[in-house]
Amino acid sequence: MAGVIQQSIFDALSATFDPSYLVVTNESHQHNVPPGSESHFKVVVVSDSFVDQRLIQRHQRVNRALATQLNGQIHALSMHTYSQNEWIQKGEAAPLSPNCLGGGRTVDAAK
């Protein structure tokens, strides 16, 4: 069941990009936040409106589309933006999210 923020992200991206594929995943449970939080999200947006756009342009467009949501309680947003052809070339799969390092903790390279 989608939360309120997750649904508002989905609705805003749907309206802005008319995507052929869209997934909004609440990854908050993978982080050190209270149960039921909506603070960490991953979006996969496949839209031909991204054709001939650099990655930074795509991310700027997503940020503009989600300005209201990003001005609230969202702490992190992972974006994967593809044209339909790029999505097919990627095997219709987005990269997995990395494990959370716990906010402020660093990886000890000596281990």
Protein backbone atom coordinates (compact mmCIF):
# COMPACT_ATOMS: atom_id res chain seq x y z
CA MET A 1 0.00 0.00 0.00
CA ALA A 2 1.47 3.34 -1.03
CA GLY A 3 1.82 6.10 1.51
CA VAL A 4 0.64 9.64 0.93
CA ILE A 5 4.05 11.01 -0.11
CA GLN A 6 4.82 7.98 -2.29
CA GLN A 7 1.49 8.39 -4.09
CA SER A 8 2.02 12.12 -4.58
CA ILE A 9 5.44 11.41 -6.15
CA PHE A 10 3.85 8.85 -8.47
CA ASP A 11 1.06 11.23 -9.46
CA ALA A 12 3.40 14.16 -10.13
CA LEU A 13 5.79 12.09 -12.27
CA SER A 14 2.90 10.49 -14.17
CA ALA A 15 1.40 13.88 -14.99
CA THR A 16 4.73 15.45 -16.00
CA PHE A 17 6.38 12.70 -18.05
CA ASP A 18 3.57 10.44 -19.34
CA PRO A 19 5.92 7.51 -18.66
CA SER A 20 5.73 4.13 -20.33
CA TYR A 21 7.10 2.71 -17.07
CA LEU A 22 7.15 4.27 -13.61
CA VAL A 23 8.00 2.81 -10.22
CA VAL A 24 8.23 4.78 -6.99
CA THR A 25 9.74 2.72 -4.19
CA ASN A 26 9.75 3.80 -0.56
CA GLU A 27 13.16 2.65 0.68
CA SER A 28 12.84 4.29 4.09
CA HIS A 29 12.72 0.91 5.86
CA GLN A 30 16.34 0.37 4.75
CA HIS A 31 17.46 3.37 6.81
CA ASN A 32 17.58 4.39 10.44
CA VAL A 33 14.12 5.98 10.57
CA PRO A 34 10.92 5.19 12.48
CA PRO A 35 8.66 2.46 11.05
CA GLY A 36 6.21 3.79 8.47
CA SER A 37 8.46 6.69 7.45
CA GLU A 38 8.33 8.18 3.98
CA SER A 39 11.73 9.83 3.71
CA HIS A 40 13.86 7.82 1.26
CA PHE A 41 12.60 7.07 -2.26
CA LYS A 42 13.82 5.53 -5.48
CA VAL A 43 12.12 6.40 -8.77
CA VAL A 44 12.49 4.71 -12.13
CA VAL A 45 10.99 6.81 -14.91
CA VAL A 46 10.93 5.64 -18.53
CA SER A 47 9.72 8.32 -20.90
CA ASP A 48 10.54 9.34 -24.42
CA SER A 49 10.49 12.93 -23.18
CA PHE A 50 14.07 12.15 -22.04
CA VAL A 51 15.33 11.48 -25.58
CA ASP A 52 18.36 13.67 -26.40
CA GLN A 53 18.62 15.00 -22.83
CA ARG A 54 21.70 14.72 -20.66
CA LEU A 55 21.36 13.06 -17.26
CA ILE A 56 21.59 16.40 -15.43
CA GLN A 57 18.73 17.80 -17.52
CA ARG A 58 16.59 14.77 -16.72
CA HIS A 59 17.29 15.06 -13.01
CA GLN A 60 16.55 18.78 -13.04
CA ARG A 61 13.19 18.05 -14.66
CA VAL A 62 12.37 15.42 -12.03
CA ASN A 63 13.40 17.84 -9.27
CA ARG A 64 11.10 20.51 -10.72
CA ALA A 65 8.22 18.05 -11.03
CA LEU A 66 8.69 17.08 -7.37
CA ALA A 67 9.47 20.54 -5.96
CA THR A 68 6.57 20.39 -3.51
CA GLN A 69 7.44 16.91 -2.25
CA LEU A 70 11.17 17.69 -2.00
CA ASN A 71 10.39 20.78 0.07
CA GLY A 72 8.92 18.53 2.76
CA GLN A 73 10.09 15.48 4.63
CA ILE A 74 11.94 13.69 1.82
CA HIS A 75 15.52 13.11 2.89
CA ALA A 76 16.78 11.23 -0.17
CA LEU A 77 15.64 10.62 -3.74
CA SER A 78 17.39 8.19 -6.07
CA MET A 79 16.52 8.83 -9.72
CA HIS A 80 16.86 6.49 -12.67
CA THR A 81 15.63 8.16 -15.86
CA TYR A 82 15.59 6.45 -19.25
CA SER A 83 14.13 6.81 -22.71
CA GLN A 84 12.24 3.74 -23.92
CA ASN A 85 15.22 2.60 -26.05
CA GLU A 86 17.67 3.06 -23.16
CA TRP A 87 15.37 1.07 -20.89
CA ILE A 88 15.26 -1.80 -23.35
CA GLN A 89 19.07 -1.69 -23.71
CA LYS A 90 19.35 -1.91 -19.90
CA GLY A 91 17.30 -5.09 -19.94
CA GLU A 92 14.35 -3.21 -18.43
CA ALA A 93 16.03 -3.17 -15.02
CA ALA A 94 17.30 -0.36 -12.81
CA PRO A 95 20.35 -0.72 -10.57
CA LEU A 96 19.83 -1.99 -7.05
CA SER A 97 20.11 0.54 -4.26
CA PRO A 98 23.23 0.35 -2.10
CA ASN A 99 23.02 -0.57 1.56
CA CYS A 100 22.56 2.33 3.95
CA LEU A 101 25.72 3.33 5.80
CA GLY A 102 23.75 4.77 8.69
CA GLY A 103 24.02 8.50 8.02
CA GLY A 104 27.36 9.90 9.08
CA ARG A 105 29.14 6.59 9.44
CA THR A 106 31.91 5.90 6.99
CA VAL A 107 33.23 2.67 5.54
CA ASP A 108 36.55 1.65 7.09
CA ALA A 109 38.84 0.95 4.13
CA ALA A 110 41.27 -0.90 6.39
CA LYS A 111 38.81 -3.74 7.07
